[in-house]
Amino acid sequence: MSATTIRPCGAADLPALFSIVNDAAQAYKGVIPADCWHEPYMPLDQLKREIGEGIAFWGYESGGTLIGMMGIQDRGEVSLIRHAYVQSAQRRKGIGEKLLKHLEGTTAKPILIGTWNAAAWAIRFYEKNGYRVLSRPEIERLLRRYWSVPERQIETSVVLAKSETAALAGGLVAGDQSCGGTSGCHQIALRLLRERDGVFSQSVAGCQIRPRSFLGCRPGALNRLTRPIPACNRVAPRAMLSPYVPMETIRASAPQKEITMAATGTSTATSIVLVHGGFVDGSGWAAVYKILKKDGYNVVVVQNPTLSLADDVAVTRRAIAAQRGAVLLVGHSYGGVVITEAGTDPKVAGLVYIAAFAPDKGESVSSLIKDPPPGAPVPPILPPQDGFLFLDEAKFHFSFAADVDADTAAFMASSQVPWGVGALAGTITEPAWRTKPSWYLVSTEDRMIPPPAQRMMSKRAGSTVAEVAGSHAVYVSQPKAVATFIEKAAGEVAATSN
């Protein structure tokens, strides 16, 4: 029997994902409205954009081959299941159900699922797994709020949710919150987190909760929240178990008790947004991410498509908009260009450059690398292929990741993300470092961006500078040093804002 596993998918899996989607989607042909069908059903560029917009794809692998996939997207109050497909030859083997159960375990938020209303087999599958189709008014409101789809698709789609989520749907859309058991309590807890930091009210009341009833919450539902939640210890008559209880009513009827919350880290008020560079994806930040999370920071990793600077800035700005409070933007390599343009957002409190480009107005990666100083190493960029750039795999370790272990560097070389020529040509309209504080970590052994160029850009930006003996991939090889530098910047941002 072939070994099977469910694993996250990266840039190297794009061809397999593309193949699975467009094979499985043949089932829609002649079923969904003719004006909604096209071939390929999902072009490769669209798949890349979907990943860039925050859909995390998980694959079902058998014998080393991906044969099924399912995506999940965080949309604030809810998570969306997106693009569930299994190879046509592998259907009816329980693969879809295994993927669904796995993804359900990755989120503590209510789950919504959208599909074509003509796809009866898909609806039956979700109903078999505990979901139900919502009412037409709920469907239309939810599709407009959480999906970005044309009006025609709204007319021809349905939304499904589990019973406890369905009971919350009206509240999620209308601004109310239900209190019908542990799921309702979780929603109210999330709402409480939107109150001011430090001190807020235990203003929840309505249903009887005993300690053991928290077993009904999804695993990790409470500890995934950014602050401790006051214990849900109220007792009330059954008459109060209305499926829809507006938050204003809850606040008015509940006994008010102020609870001072202890900070769980040094930067609970500042979110850290990590932006990757060219040729790689966000997974390279994994070790830095884990350190920052362990130290109590709220951290988000952006997955940019790297097709154009405008697209990458748009994706990054969506990540900024989704954060609560001030944002510290961190960019590596080309990610520095992205944060320089995106960092003018009012929520951005500071910029951190990790061996990165820090261009001025009108500059681009192309203009910055056009005339390297005499004797400077030249990045082994191959001639464009269909408008995309790659590094020479044979020279990747030496040039990009000299202090990364050979196996990891070889994997990075083999899993390169195509870097759009248009992204290198994208110019800065207004550099954020002119109005925002910045920090710059110079990598002194860098063979992609010469250290003298890094020092010039950091001096021009007026950055707080530190140096580390590392390669261009210093965030991979020395995550502790990089995380410490980021935390120093976050601490200074927090001190300035207090």
Protein backbone atom coordinates (compact mmCIF):
# COMPACT_ATOMS: atom_id res chain seq x y z
CA MET A 1 0.00 0.00 0.00
CA SER A 2 1.33 3.43 -0.92
CA ALA A 3 2.14 5.80 1.92
CA THR A 4 -0.32 8.68 2.19
CA THR A 5 -0.02 12.06 3.84
CA ILE A 6 -1.78 15.41 4.02
CA ARG A 7 0.66 18.29 3.74
CA PRO A 8 0.75 22.02 2.96
CA CYS A 9 1.43 22.86 -0.67
CA GLY A 10 4.05 25.31 -1.87
CA ALA A 11 5.16 26.91 -5.09
CA ALA A 12 6.77 23.68 -6.31
CA ASP A 13 3.31 22.03 -6.22
CA LEU A 14 1.68 24.54 -8.59
CA PRO A 15 1.81 22.26 -11.66
CA ALA A 16 0.23 19.38 -9.71
CA LEU A 17 -2.47 21.63 -8.22
CA PHE A 18 -3.22 23.06 -11.66
CA SER A 19 -3.59 19.53 -13.05
CA ILE A 20 -5.86 18.35 -10.21
CA VAL A 21 -8.17 21.38 -10.42
CA ASN A 22 -8.67 21.23 -14.15
CA ASP A 23 -9.10 17.45 -14.23
CA ALA A 24 -11.66 17.38 -11.43
CA ALA A 25 -13.47 20.49 -12.68
CA GLN A 26 -14.53 18.66 -15.84
CA ALA A 27 -17.44 17.45 -13.71
CA TYR A 28 -18.82 21.01 -13.87
CA LYS A 29 -18.89 21.07 -17.68
CA GLY A 30 -22.46 21.12 -18.89
CA VAL A 31 -23.72 21.37 -15.30
CA ILE A 32 -22.92 24.90 -14.20
CA PRO A 33 -24.19 27.80 -16.36
CA ALA A 34 -22.50 27.86 -19.74
CA ASP A 35 -21.40 31.47 -19.26
CA CYS A 36 -19.54 30.43 -16.08
CA TRP A 37 -17.58 27.61 -17.72
CA HIS A 38 -14.23 28.14 -19.42
CA GLU A 39 -11.14 26.08 -20.17
CA PRO A 40 -8.92 25.75 -18.38
CA TYR A 41 -11.40 26.09 -15.53
CA MET A 42 -8.70 27.72 -13.37
CA PRO A 43 -5.74 29.21 -15.28
CA LEU A 44 -2.32 29.02 -13.65
CA ASP A 45 -2.18 32.78 -13.12
CA GLN A 46 -5.50 32.66 -11.26
CA LEU A 47 -4.23 29.84 -9.06
CA LYS A 48 -1.16 31.93 -8.20
CA ARG A 49 -3.37 34.93 -7.40
CA GLU A 50 -5.57 32.83 -5.14
CA ILE A 51 -2.50 31.75 -3.18
CA GLY A 52 -1.35 35.35 -3.06
CA GLU A 53 -4.72 36.36 -1.63
CA GLY A 54 -4.26 34.08 1.34
CA ILE A 55 -5.69 30.70 0.37
CA ALA A 56 -3.56 27.99 2.00
CA PHE A 57 -3.74 24.79 -0.05
CA TRP A 58 -3.31 21.37 1.50
CA GLY A 59 -2.64 18.32 -0.63
CA TYR A 60 -3.42 14.65 -0.22
CA GLU A 61 -0.31 12.77 -1.33
CA SER A 62 -0.17 9.07 -2.13
CA GLY A 63 3.07 7.39 -3.07
CA GLY A 64 4.74 10.76 -3.50
CA THR A 65 2.05 12.07 -5.90
CA LEU A 66 -0.57 14.69 -5.12
CA ILE A 67 -4.04 13.36 -5.98
CA GLY A 68 -6.30 15.69 -4.01
CA MET A 69 -6.32 19.26 -2.71
CA MET A 70 -8.37 21.60 -0.57
CA GLY A 71 -7.82 25.23 0.39
CA ILE A 72 -8.68 27.24 3.47
CA GLN A 73 -8.78 31.03 3.72
CA ASP A 74 -8.89 33.17 6.86
CA ARG A 75 -11.50 35.90 6.44
CA GLY A 76 -11.53 37.50 9.88
CA GLU A 77 -14.51 36.15 11.80
CA VAL A 78 -14.70 33.01 9.66
CA SER A 79 -12.62 30.58 7.63
CA LEU A 80 -13.62 29.61 4.09
CA ILE A 81 -13.09 26.20 2.50
CA ARG A 82 -11.99 26.97 -1.06
CA HIS A 83 -11.30 24.82 -4.13
CA ALA A 84 -11.79 21.22 -3.01
CA TYR A 85 -10.79 18.81 -5.77
CA VAL A 86 -9.77 15.16 -6.11
CA GLN A 87 -8.43 13.59 -9.29
CA SER A 88 -11.32 12.01 -11.17
CA ALA A 89 -9.64 8.59 -11.08
CA GLN A 90 -9.28 8.78 -7.29
CA ARG A 91 -12.85 9.66 -6.31
CA ARG A 92 -14.97 7.71 -3.82
CA LYS A 93 -11.95 6.75 -1.75
CA GLY A 94 -12.60 9.08 1.19
CA ILE A 95 -9.89 11.55 0.17
CA GLY A 96 -12.15 14.59 0.26
CA GLU A 97 -13.45 13.72 3.69
CA LYS A 98 -9.93 13.28 5.06
CA LEU A 99 -8.88 16.65 3.69
CA LEU A 100 -11.98 18.33 5.09
CA LYS A 101 -11.46 16.87 8.57
CA HIS A 102 -7.83 17.93 8.50
CA LEU A 103 -8.66 21.51 7.55
CA GLU A 104 -11.39 21.69 10.17
CA GLY A 105 -8.69 20.96 12.73
CA THR A 106 -6.52 23.86 11.55
CA THR A 107 -8.94 26.62 12.51
CA ALA A 108 -10.93 27.59 15.59
CA LYS A 109 -13.24 29.83 13.56
CA PRO A 110 -16.64 29.00 12.07
CA ILE A 111 -16.29 27.48 8.59
CA LEU A 112 -18.26 28.53 5.52
CA ILE A 113 -18.22 26.63 2.23
CA GLY A 114 -19.34 27.92 -1.15
CA THR A 115 -20.10 25.84 -4.23
CA TRP A 116 -22.26 25.91 -7.36
CA ASN A 117 -25.93 25.28 -6.61
CA ALA A 118 -26.02 22.89 -9.58
CA ALA A 119 -23.18 20.76 -8.15
CA ALA A 120 -25.51 18.37 -6.34
CA TRP A 121 -22.74 15.85 -5.65
CA ALA A 122 -20.64 18.47 -3.87
CA ILE A 123 -23.59 19.60 -1.76
CA ARG A 124 -24.35 15.97 -0.79
CA PHE A 125 -20.71 15.50 0.23
CA TYR A 126 -20.76 18.48 2.59
CA GLU A 127 -24.17 17.54 3.97
CA LYS A 128 -22.83 14.07 4.73
CA ASN A 129 -20.10 15.77 6.77
CA GLY A 130 -22.46 17.84 8.90
CA TYR A 131 -22.95 20.98 6.81
CA ARG A 132 -26.25 22.38 5.56
CA VAL A 133 -27.26 24.84 2.87
CA LEU A 134 -28.17 28.26 4.26
CA SER A 135 -31.18 30.35 3.28
CA ARG A 136 -31.02 32.41 0.11
CA PRO A 137 -30.79 35.79 1.91
CA GLU A 138 -27.97 34.43 4.12
CA ILE A 139 -26.16 33.01 1.08
CA GLU A 140 -26.19 36.30 -0.79
CA ARG A 141 -25.11 38.36 2.21
CA LEU A 142 -22.26 35.99 3.09
CA LEU A 143 -21.02 35.67 -0.49
CA ARG A 144 -20.86 39.44 -0.82
CA ARG A 145 -19.11 39.83 2.52
CA TYR A 146 -16.51 37.06 2.48
CA TRP A 147 -15.98 36.12 -1.19
CA SER A 148 -14.80 38.23 -4.10
CA VAL A 149 -16.94 36.79 -6.90
CA PRO A 150 -19.00 38.35 -9.69
CA GLU A 151 -22.74 38.88 -9.27
CA ARG A 152 -23.47 36.08 -11.73
CA GLN A 153 -21.64 33.61 -9.49
CA ILE A 154 -23.55 34.85 -6.44
CA GLU A 155 -26.79 34.12 -8.28
CA THR A 156 -25.72 30.54 -9.06
CA SER A 157 -23.94 29.52 -5.84
CA VAL A 158 -24.84 28.26 -2.38
CA VAL A 159 -23.14 28.57 0.99
CA LEU A 160 -23.04 25.74 3.52
CA ALA A 161 -22.23 25.78 7.21
CA LYS A 162 -22.48 23.48 10.19
CA SER A 163 -25.51 23.93 12.40
CA GLU A 164 -23.74 25.94 15.09
CA THR A 165 -22.17 28.20 12.45
CA ALA A 166 -25.49 28.59 10.65
CA ALA A 167 -27.00 29.87 13.89
CA LEU A 168 -24.32 32.56 13.90
CA ALA A 169 -24.62 33.51 10.24
CA GLY A 170 -27.21 36.21 10.76
CA GLY A 171 -25.15 37.71 13.56
CA LEU A 172 -21.93 37.63 11.56
CA VAL A 173 -23.60 39.55 8.76
CA ALA A 174 -25.86 41.88 10.70
CA GLY A 175 -23.36 42.72 13.43
CA ASP A 176 -25.03 40.71 16.19
CA GLN A 177 -23.65 37.70 18.00
CA SER A 178 -25.57 34.63 19.05
CA CYS A 179 -25.11 32.94 22.37
CA GLY A 180 -26.37 29.44 21.83
CA GLY A 181 -23.64 27.36 23.43
CA THR A 182 -19.89 27.12 23.25
CA SER A 183 -19.62 28.29 19.63
CA GLY A 184 -21.59 31.40 20.53
CA CYS A 185 -19.31 31.97 23.51
CA HIS A 186 -16.29 31.74 21.22
CA GLN A 187 -17.77 34.37 18.91
CA ILE A 188 -18.44 36.68 21.85
CA ALA A 189 -14.88 36.11 23.04
CA LEU A 190 -13.61 37.17 19.63
CA ARG A 191 -15.80 40.25 19.80
CA LEU A 192 -14.42 41.09 23.24
CA LEU A 193 -10.92 41.03 21.84
CA ARG A 194 -11.87 43.93 19.63
CA GLU A 195 -12.33 46.10 22.73
CA ARG A 196 -9.45 48.29 23.84
CA ASP A 197 -6.21 46.56 24.84
CA GLY A 198 -5.36 46.05 28.52
CA VAL A 199 -8.72 46.50 30.29
CA PHE A 200 -12.13 45.47 29.05
CA SER A 201 -15.41 44.27 30.49
CA GLN A 202 -16.63 40.76 31.14
CA SER A 203 -19.92 41.67 29.53
CA VAL A 204 -21.24 38.32 28.41
CA ALA A 205 -24.35 36.66 29.71
CA GLY A 206 -27.09 34.45 28.46
CA CYS A 207 -26.46 30.72 28.51
CA GLN A 208 -25.37 28.23 31.13
CA ILE A 209 -21.76 27.16 30.72
CA ARG A 210 -20.05 24.62 32.91
CA PRO A 211 -16.29 23.96 32.63
CA ARG A 212 -16.77 20.64 30.89
CA SER A 213 -18.94 22.23 28.21
CA PHE A 214 -15.84 23.89 26.75
CA LEU A 215 -15.08 20.44 25.38
CA GLY A 216 -17.52 21.42 22.66
CA CYS A 217 -15.16 24.11 21.37
CA ARG A 218 -12.77 23.30 18.57
CA PRO A 219 -9.29 22.32 19.83
CA GLY A 220 -7.27 25.41 20.62
CA ALA A 221 -10.26 27.71 20.10
CA LEU A 222 -9.40 29.91 23.05
CA ASN A 223 -5.63 29.71 23.15
CA ARG A 224 -5.42 30.86 19.52
CA LEU A 225 -6.77 34.25 20.58
CA THR A 226 -4.28 37.07 21.00
CA ARG A 227 -5.22 37.74 24.64
CA PRO A 228 -6.54 35.60 27.47
CA ILE A 229 -10.34 35.57 27.56
CA PRO A 230 -12.26 36.06 30.81
CA ALA A 231 -13.83 32.84 32.03
CA CYS A 232 -17.35 32.23 30.75
CA ASN A 233 -18.92 31.56 34.14
CA ARG A 234 -22.43 32.87 33.87
CA VAL A 235 -25.68 31.09 34.66
CA ALA A 236 -28.98 32.21 33.18
CA PRO A 237 -32.47 30.81 32.63
CA ARG A 238 -33.16 28.77 29.51
CA ALA A 239 -35.53 31.51 28.41
CA MET A 240 -32.47 33.61 27.59
CA LEU A 241 -31.13 31.10 25.06
CA SER A 242 -32.30 33.12 22.05
CA PRO A 243 -30.47 32.17 18.84
CA TYR A 244 -29.75 35.82 18.10
CA VAL A 245 -28.75 38.10 20.96
CA PRO A 246 -27.40 41.50 19.91
CA MET A 247 -24.15 42.45 21.62
CA GLU A 248 -25.74 45.66 22.91
CA THR A 249 -28.36 43.58 24.74
CA ILE A 250 -25.67 41.35 26.21
CA ARG A 251 -23.69 44.35 27.43
CA ALA A 252 -26.77 45.96 28.98
CA SER A 253 -27.97 42.85 30.80
CA ALA A 254 -24.68 41.47 32.06
CA PRO A 255 -23.01 42.23 35.38
CA GLN A 256 -19.99 44.40 34.58
CA LYS A 257 -16.65 43.39 36.02
CA GLU A 258 -13.42 44.95 34.87
CA ILE A 259 -10.58 42.51 34.36
CA THR A 260 -7.01 43.65 33.81
CA MET A 261 -5.21 41.37 31.36
CA ALA A 262 -1.50 40.69 31.63
CA ALA A 263 0.45 41.04 28.40
CA THR A 264 1.56 37.75 26.88
CA GLY A 265 4.49 39.25 25.00
CA THR A 266 6.31 42.49 24.51
CA SER A 267 4.29 43.52 21.48
CA THR A 268 0.68 42.43 21.78
CA ALA A 269 -0.37 45.80 20.31
CA THR A 270 1.90 45.49 17.24
CA SER A 271 1.40 42.92 14.49
CA ILE A 272 4.46 41.81 12.56
CA VAL A 273 3.92 41.20 8.84
CA LEU A 274 6.70 39.25 7.09
CA VAL A 275 7.16 39.78 3.33
CA HIS A 276 9.35 37.44 1.27
CA GLY A 277 11.50 38.30 -1.73
CA GLY A 278 11.92 36.95 -5.24
CA PHE A 279 12.62 33.31 -6.18
CA VAL A 280 11.16 32.10 -2.84
CA ASP A 281 7.86 32.02 -0.99
CA GLY A 282 6.80 32.79 2.57
CA SER A 283 7.76 29.38 3.95
CA GLY A 284 11.36 30.58 4.29
CA TRP A 285 10.22 32.68 7.25
CA ALA A 286 9.13 29.58 9.19
CA ALA A 287 11.92 29.59 11.81
CA VAL A 288 11.70 33.37 12.36
CA TYR A 289 7.91 33.09 12.59
CA LYS A 290 8.11 30.39 15.28
CA ILE A 291 10.50 32.45 17.42
CA LEU A 292 8.36 35.58 17.19
CA LYS A 293 5.18 33.64 17.98
CA LYS A 294 6.84 31.94 20.95
CA ASP A 295 7.82 35.37 22.24
CA GLY A 296 4.20 36.52 22.17
CA TYR A 297 3.93 38.46 18.93
CA ASN A 298 1.08 38.37 16.46
CA VAL A 299 2.77 37.38 13.18
CA VAL A 300 1.46 37.13 9.62
CA VAL A 301 3.41 35.79 6.63
CA VAL A 302 2.42 37.26 3.27
CA GLN A 303 2.41 34.98 0.22
CA ASN A 304 3.06 37.32 -2.69
CA PRO A 305 2.62 36.06 -6.28
CA THR A 306 5.71 38.09 -7.38
CA LEU A 307 4.19 38.72 -10.80
CA SER A 308 4.19 42.51 -10.50
CA LEU A 309 4.99 45.06 -7.82
CA ALA A 310 1.42 46.39 -7.94
CA ASP A 311 -0.04 42.93 -7.24
CA ASP A 312 2.41 42.26 -4.40
CA VAL A 313 1.69 45.63 -2.81
CA ALA A 314 -2.05 44.95 -3.04
CA VAL A 315 -1.67 41.55 -1.35
CA THR A 316 0.50 43.04 1.38
CA ARG A 317 -1.94 45.87 1.98
CA ARG A 318 -4.74 43.34 2.42
CA ALA A 319 -2.62 41.65 5.09
CA ILE A 320 -2.07 45.02 6.77
CA ALA A 321 -5.79 45.81 6.70
CA ALA A 322 -6.60 42.50 8.38
CA GLN A 323 -4.44 43.29 11.42
CA ARG A 324 -5.65 44.90 14.60
CA GLY A 325 -3.58 47.87 15.75
CA ALA A 326 -0.17 49.01 14.55
CA VAL A 327 1.81 46.98 12.00
CA LEU A 328 5.57 46.46 11.70
CA LEU A 329 6.39 45.53 8.10
CA VAL A 330 9.42 43.28 7.55
CA GLY A 331 10.82 42.68 4.06
CA HIS A 332 13.62 40.49 2.76
CA SER A 333 15.33 41.20 -0.57
CA TYR A 334 12.62 42.24 -3.10
CA GLY A 335 10.25 42.23 -0.13
CA GLY A 336 11.97 45.49 0.82
CA VAL A 337 10.60 47.08 -2.36
CA VAL A 338 7.12 45.82 -1.49
CA ILE A 339 7.18 47.22 2.05
CA THR A 340 8.65 50.52 0.84
CA GLU A 341 5.57 51.03 -1.36
CA ALA A 342 2.97 49.38 0.90
CA GLY A 343 4.34 50.95 4.08
CA THR A 344 2.67 54.30 3.48
CA ASP A 345 -0.50 52.71 4.87
CA PRO A 346 -1.51 54.62 8.04
CA LYS A 347 -1.51 51.41 10.10
CA VAL A 348 2.20 50.81 9.42
CA ALA A 349 4.30 52.06 12.32
CA GLY A 350 7.72 51.00 11.06
CA LEU A 351 9.73 49.13 8.42
CA VAL A 352 12.39 46.47 8.89
CA TYR A 353 14.71 45.59 6.00
CA ILE A 354 16.51 42.23 6.11
CA ALA A 355 19.26 42.25 3.43
CA ALA A 356 16.69 44.04 1.32
CA PHE A 357 16.25 46.65 -1.36
CA ALA A 358 15.17 50.02 0.05
CA PRO A 359 14.49 52.03 -3.11
CA ASP A 360 13.75 55.73 -3.39
CA LYS A 361 11.00 57.37 -5.44
CA GLY A 362 11.16 56.25 -9.08
CA GLU A 363 13.61 53.43 -8.38
CA SER A 364 13.06 49.72 -8.96
CA VAL A 365 15.00 46.50 -8.52
CA SER A 366 16.01 46.76 -12.17
CA SER A 367 17.45 50.24 -11.76
CA LEU A 368 19.23 49.36 -8.50
CA ILE A 369 21.03 46.34 -9.93
CA LYS A 370 21.73 47.83 -13.38
CA ASP A 371 25.23 49.14 -12.64
CA PRO A 372 26.94 46.99 -9.96
CA PRO A 373 30.16 48.43 -8.50
CA PRO A 374 33.43 47.00 -9.84
CA GLY A 375 34.24 43.65 -8.27
CA ALA A 376 30.75 43.17 -6.83
CA PRO A 377 29.28 39.66 -7.17
CA VAL A 378 26.72 39.34 -9.97
CA PRO A 379 23.58 37.32 -9.12
CA PRO A 380 23.32 34.23 -11.37
CA ILE A 381 19.96 35.23 -12.87
CA LEU A 382 19.16 33.27 -16.03
CA PRO A 383 17.64 34.90 -19.13
CA PRO A 384 13.86 35.36 -18.85
CA GLN A 385 11.64 32.40 -19.70
CA ASP A 386 8.13 33.46 -20.77
CA GLY A 387 8.48 36.65 -18.76
CA PHE A 388 9.81 34.98 -15.59
CA LEU A 389 13.24 34.83 -13.99
CA PHE A 390 15.06 32.02 -12.19
CA LEU A 391 18.46 31.65 -10.57
CA ASP A 392 20.93 29.13 -11.95
CA GLU A 393 20.31 26.10 -9.70
CA ALA A 394 23.98 25.10 -9.83
CA LYS A 395 24.99 28.50 -8.40
CA PHE A 396 22.06 29.00 -6.02
CA HIS A 397 23.79 27.69 -2.89
CA PHE A 398 26.91 29.81 -3.36
CA SER A 399 25.12 33.02 -4.35
CA PHE A 400 21.83 33.00 -2.42
CA ALA A 401 22.27 30.72 0.56
CA ALA A 402 25.97 30.09 1.23
CA ASP A 403 25.50 29.61 4.99
CA VAL A 404 22.44 27.38 4.66
CA ASP A 405 22.98 23.62 4.86
CA ALA A 406 23.42 21.91 1.50
CA ASP A 407 20.16 19.92 1.57
CA THR A 408 18.03 22.94 2.43
CA ALA A 409 19.79 25.08 -0.18
CA ALA A 410 19.28 22.37 -2.82
CA PHE A 411 15.56 22.27 -2.01
CA MET A 412 15.32 26.06 -2.21
CA ALA A 413 17.04 25.97 -5.58
CA SER A 414 14.73 23.27 -6.93
CA SER A 415 11.55 24.91 -5.60
CA GLN A 416 12.19 28.43 -6.88
CA VAL A 417 9.13 30.60 -7.46
CA PRO A 418 9.11 32.23 -10.90
CA TRP A 419 9.84 35.95 -10.45
CA GLY A 420 7.98 38.12 -12.94
CA VAL A 421 10.10 40.53 -14.97
CA GLY A 422 7.37 43.09 -14.36
CA ALA A 423 7.97 42.90 -10.61
CA LEU A 424 11.61 43.94 -11.05
CA ALA A 425 10.56 46.89 -13.17
CA GLY A 426 7.94 48.15 -10.69
CA THR A 427 8.88 51.64 -9.45
CA ILE A 428 8.27 53.31 -6.10
CA THR A 429 5.75 56.16 -6.05
CA GLU A 430 6.37 57.36 -2.50
CA PRO A 431 8.92 55.59 -0.27
CA ALA A 432 7.48 54.87 3.17
CA TRP A 433 10.88 55.23 4.85
CA ARG A 434 10.73 58.97 4.26
CA THR A 435 7.92 59.28 6.82
CA LYS A 436 8.22 56.07 8.89
CA PRO A 437 11.04 54.83 11.17
CA SER A 438 13.08 52.01 9.69
CA TRP A 439 15.61 49.39 10.75
CA TYR A 440 18.08 47.65 8.46
CA LEU A 441 19.96 44.38 9.03
CA VAL A 442 22.98 44.27 6.71
CA SER A 443 24.15 40.79 5.71
CA THR A 444 27.89 41.20 5.30
CA GLU A 445 28.48 38.04 3.22
CA ASP A 446 25.61 38.69 0.79
CA ARG A 447 26.33 37.78 -2.84
CA MET A 448 22.96 38.91 -4.19
CA ILE A 449 22.75 42.49 -2.88
CA PRO A 450 26.31 43.74 -2.24
CA PRO A 451 26.83 44.85 1.38
CA PRO A 452 28.04 48.32 0.27
CA ALA A 453 24.73 48.77 -1.56
CA GLN A 454 22.85 47.69 1.57
CA ARG A 455 24.78 50.23 3.65
CA MET A 456 24.10 52.98 1.11
CA MET A 457 20.35 52.30 1.07
CA SER A 458 20.10 52.03 4.86
CA LYS A 459 22.03 55.31 5.34
CA ARG A 460 19.83 57.07 2.79
CA ALA A 461 16.71 55.83 4.57
CA GLY A 462 18.01 56.97 7.95
CA SER A 463 17.60 53.43 9.27
CA THR A 464 18.79 52.04 12.58
CA VAL A 465 21.44 49.62 11.32
CA ALA A 466 22.96 46.38 12.56
CA GLU A 467 25.23 43.96 10.71
CA VAL A 468 25.46 40.18 10.79
CA ALA A 469 27.90 37.86 9.05
CA GLY A 470 25.50 35.97 6.87
CA SER A 471 24.41 35.18 3.32
CA HIS A 472 21.47 36.66 1.45
CA ALA A 473 19.32 33.93 3.04
CA VAL A 474 20.28 35.06 6.56
CA TYR A 475 16.64 34.80 7.65
CA VAL A 476 16.85 31.06 6.96
CA SER A 477 20.39 30.43 8.26
CA GLN A 478 20.26 32.69 11.34
CA PRO A 479 16.61 33.01 12.35
CA LYS A 480 17.43 33.86 15.97
CA ALA A 481 19.56 36.86 15.01
CA VAL A 482 16.90 38.05 12.57
CA ALA A 483 14.05 37.56 15.06
CA THR A 484 15.99 39.42 17.76
CA PHE A 485 16.53 42.35 15.40
CA ILE A 486 12.82 42.42 14.49
CA GLU A 487 11.83 42.27 18.17
CA LYS A 488 14.14 45.21 18.92
CA ALA A 489 12.35 47.24 16.25
CA ALA A 490 8.94 46.13 17.55
CA GLY A 491 9.92 47.18 21.07
CA GLU A 492 11.00 50.62 19.88
CA VAL A 493 7.76 51.02 17.92
CA ALA A 494 5.74 50.08 20.99
CA ALA A 495 7.74 52.48 23.21
CA THR A 496 7.21 55.33 20.77
CA SER A 497 3.46 54.75 20.56
CA ASN A 498 2.98 54.64 24.36
